[in-house]
Protein backbone atom coordinates (compact mmCIF):
# COMPACT_ATOMS: atom_id res chain seq x y z
CA MET A 1 23.97 3.37 10.46
CA CYS A 2 25.36 0.82 8.02
CA THR A 3 22.78 -0.23 5.43
CA THR A 4 24.98 -2.48 3.30
CA GLY A 5 22.95 -5.53 4.36
CA PHE A 6 19.82 -3.93 2.90
CA ARG A 7 21.30 -3.48 -0.62
CA ASP A 8 20.12 -6.87 -1.86
CA THR A 9 20.42 -6.26 -5.61
CA SER A 10 21.90 -8.14 -8.55
CA VAL A 11 22.01 -7.87 -12.31
CA TYR A 12 20.03 -10.48 -14.24
CA LYS A 13 20.22 -10.50 -18.03
CA GLY A 14 21.24 -6.85 -18.00
CA ARG A 15 18.49 -5.71 -15.59
CA LEU A 16 18.96 -4.60 -12.01
CA ILE A 17 16.93 -6.86 -9.71
CA HIS A 18 15.96 -5.83 -6.16
CA PHE A 19 15.00 -8.33 -3.46
CA TYR A 20 15.69 -6.25 -0.33
CA LYS A 21 15.06 -9.26 1.91
CA ARG A 22 16.49 -7.78 5.11
CA ALA A 23 14.78 -4.41 4.59
CA GLN A 24 11.45 -6.18 4.15
CA ILE A 25 12.04 -8.29 7.26
CA PHE A 26 12.75 -5.09 9.22
CA VAL A 27 9.40 -3.59 8.17
CA ALA A 28 7.54 -6.85 8.78
CA ASP A 29 9.07 -7.21 12.23
CA VAL A 30 7.96 -3.69 13.17
CA TRP A 31 4.47 -4.50 11.84
CA GLY A 32 4.46 -7.72 13.85
CA ALA A 33 5.66 -5.92 16.98
CA TYR A 34 2.69 -3.57 16.70
CA GLY A 35 0.26 -6.46 16.57
CA ARG A 36 -0.13 -6.99 12.80
CA GLN A 37 -2.96 -4.47 12.72
CA LYS A 38 -5.39 -4.94 9.84
CA ASP A 39 -7.92 -2.31 10.92
CA ALA A 40 -7.31 0.86 8.92
CA SER A 41 -8.53 3.02 11.79
CA HIS A 42 -5.87 1.65 14.16
CA PRO A 43 -2.96 4.07 14.76
CA TYR A 44 -0.41 1.30 14.04
CA PHE A 45 -2.03 0.14 10.80
CA PHE A 46 0.48 -0.29 7.95
CA HIS A 47 -1.62 0.67 4.94
CA ASP A 48 0.81 -0.88 2.47
CA ILE A 49 1.98 -4.06 4.27
CA HIS A 50 0.43 -6.05 1.42
CA GLU A 51 3.09 -4.55 -0.87
CA LEU A 52 5.85 -6.59 0.78
CA THR A 53 6.78 -9.87 -0.84
CA MET A 54 8.00 -12.94 0.95
CA PHE A 55 11.61 -12.75 2.14
CA ALA A 56 13.58 -14.33 -0.70
CA ASP A 57 16.23 -16.58 0.80
CA TYR A 58 16.69 -20.35 1.14
CA ARG A 59 14.12 -21.97 3.49
CA ILE A 60 10.94 -21.12 1.57
CA PRO A 61 12.22 -22.51 -1.76
CA GLN A 62 13.20 -25.66 0.13
CA ILE A 63 9.70 -26.17 1.50
CA LEU A 64 8.03 -25.20 -1.79
CA ARG A 65 10.23 -27.72 -3.57
CA HIS A 66 9.26 -30.33 -0.99
CA VAL A 67 5.54 -29.90 -1.69
CA GLY A 68 6.04 -29.73 -5.47
CA ILE A 69 5.26 -26.05 -6.00
CA LEU A 70 8.83 -25.36 -7.16
CA ARG A 71 10.71 -27.76 -9.40
CA TYR A 72 14.37 -27.37 -10.25
CA SER A 73 15.95 -28.49 -13.49
CA PRO A 74 17.65 -31.87 -13.07
CA SER A 75 21.11 -30.28 -13.15
CA LEU A 76 20.21 -27.62 -10.55
CA ALA A 77 18.46 -30.19 -8.34
CA GLU A 78 21.60 -32.33 -8.43
CA ARG A 79 23.79 -29.38 -7.46
CA VAL A 80 21.48 -28.39 -4.58
CA ASP A 81 21.17 -31.98 -3.37
CA ARG A 82 24.99 -32.32 -3.37
CA HIS A 83 25.18 -29.18 -1.18
CA GLU A 84 27.16 -27.41 -3.89
CA VAL A 85 27.43 -23.66 -3.38
CA ILE A 86 25.23 -21.73 -5.79
CA PRO A 87 27.04 -18.39 -6.14
CA PHE A 88 25.24 -15.23 -5.10
CA GLY A 89 23.98 -13.31 -8.11
CA CYS A 90 24.35 -16.16 -10.58
CA PRO A 91 21.32 -16.84 -12.80
CA GLU A 92 20.27 -19.97 -10.90
CA GLU A 93 20.39 -18.24 -7.51
CA LEU A 94 18.39 -15.27 -8.79
CA GLU A 95 15.88 -17.55 -10.49
CA ILE A 96 15.34 -19.59 -7.32
CA ARG A 97 14.65 -16.43 -5.36
CA ALA A 98 12.47 -14.78 -8.01
CA CYS A 99 10.44 -17.94 -8.64
CA THR A 100 9.90 -18.26 -4.89
CA VAL A 101 8.51 -14.72 -4.71
CA ILE A 102 6.17 -15.45 -7.63
CA ALA A 103 5.10 -18.79 -6.16
CA VAL A 104 4.20 -17.23 -2.80
CA GLU A 105 2.24 -14.46 -4.55
CA LYS A 106 0.27 -17.09 -6.48
CA LEU A 107 -0.24 -19.11 -3.31
CA ARG A 108 -1.51 -15.98 -1.53
CA GLU A 109 -4.02 -15.34 -4.31
CA LYS A 110 -5.14 -18.99 -4.32
CA ILE A 111 -5.69 -18.88 -0.55
CA ARG A 112 -7.69 -15.68 -0.93
CA GLN A 113 -9.84 -17.12 -3.73
CA GLU A 114 -10.54 -20.44 -2.01
CA THR A 115 -10.91 -19.33 1.61
CA GLY A 116 -11.51 -15.58 1.56
CA ASN A 117 -8.53 -15.20 3.89
CA ASN A 118 -6.43 -12.16 2.99
CA LEU A 119 -3.12 -13.36 4.37
CA THR A 120 -0.18 -11.17 3.43
CA SER A 121 2.87 -12.60 1.74
CA VAL A 122 4.69 -11.81 4.98
CA GLU A 123 2.32 -14.04 6.95
CA ILE A 124 2.64 -16.83 4.40
CA ASP A 125 6.41 -16.51 4.59
CA TRP A 126 6.26 -16.79 8.39
CA LEU A 127 4.04 -19.90 8.18
CA LEU A 128 6.19 -21.59 5.55
CA TRP A 129 9.43 -20.68 7.34
CA ASN A 130 8.21 -22.22 10.60
CA TRP A 131 7.06 -25.36 8.82
CA GLY A 132 10.37 -25.54 6.95
CA GLU A 133 12.32 -25.23 10.18
CA GLN A 134 10.34 -28.14 11.65
CA VAL A 135 11.01 -30.50 8.72
CA LYS A 136 14.33 -29.19 7.35
CA ASP A 137 16.27 -32.33 8.25
CA GLU A 138 13.62 -34.65 6.80
CA ILE A 139 13.36 -33.15 3.30
CA LYS A 140 15.73 -32.36 0.44
CA PRO A 141 18.30 -29.71 1.32
CA HIS A 142 18.06 -26.00 0.63
CA HIS A 143 20.36 -24.30 -1.85
CA ARG A 144 23.64 -23.02 -0.42
CA THR A 145 24.64 -19.45 -1.22
CA LEU A 146 27.27 -17.48 0.65
CA THR A 147 25.98 -13.93 1.07
CA ILE A 148 25.30 -11.25 3.65
CA TYR A 149 21.75 -10.88 2.33
CA TYR A 150 20.30 -14.10 3.73
């Protein structure tokens, strides 16, 4: 089995960064296929599904930018809005992805605090992705990065 598509890593300021977007999607899809069990006594309960982050790619930062949760620097916003390719592994691309992961984690905690709902980051990703797909042509564009990882 070829696992190259799962090796979603880059070096940022001398540190190895791991996103593992496709590996996380694989686990989340299996969890979803087994009914997203949240009852610990269920045989298909994933006891650590809450450890997954959102799937760091392009659609979620687009929707988070649209609602004002993420803000790009003026120069980055201009590049994204011009559909300029943001190279894989460059600081801006890594920062977009990392800030998106952090933003979704903070959103998850805010939802939990205000509603008592313990949505996983995976579920929030699914909700935001679907919303983003519905409005993608009506809002500012997503960043463009050529990569096998997303």
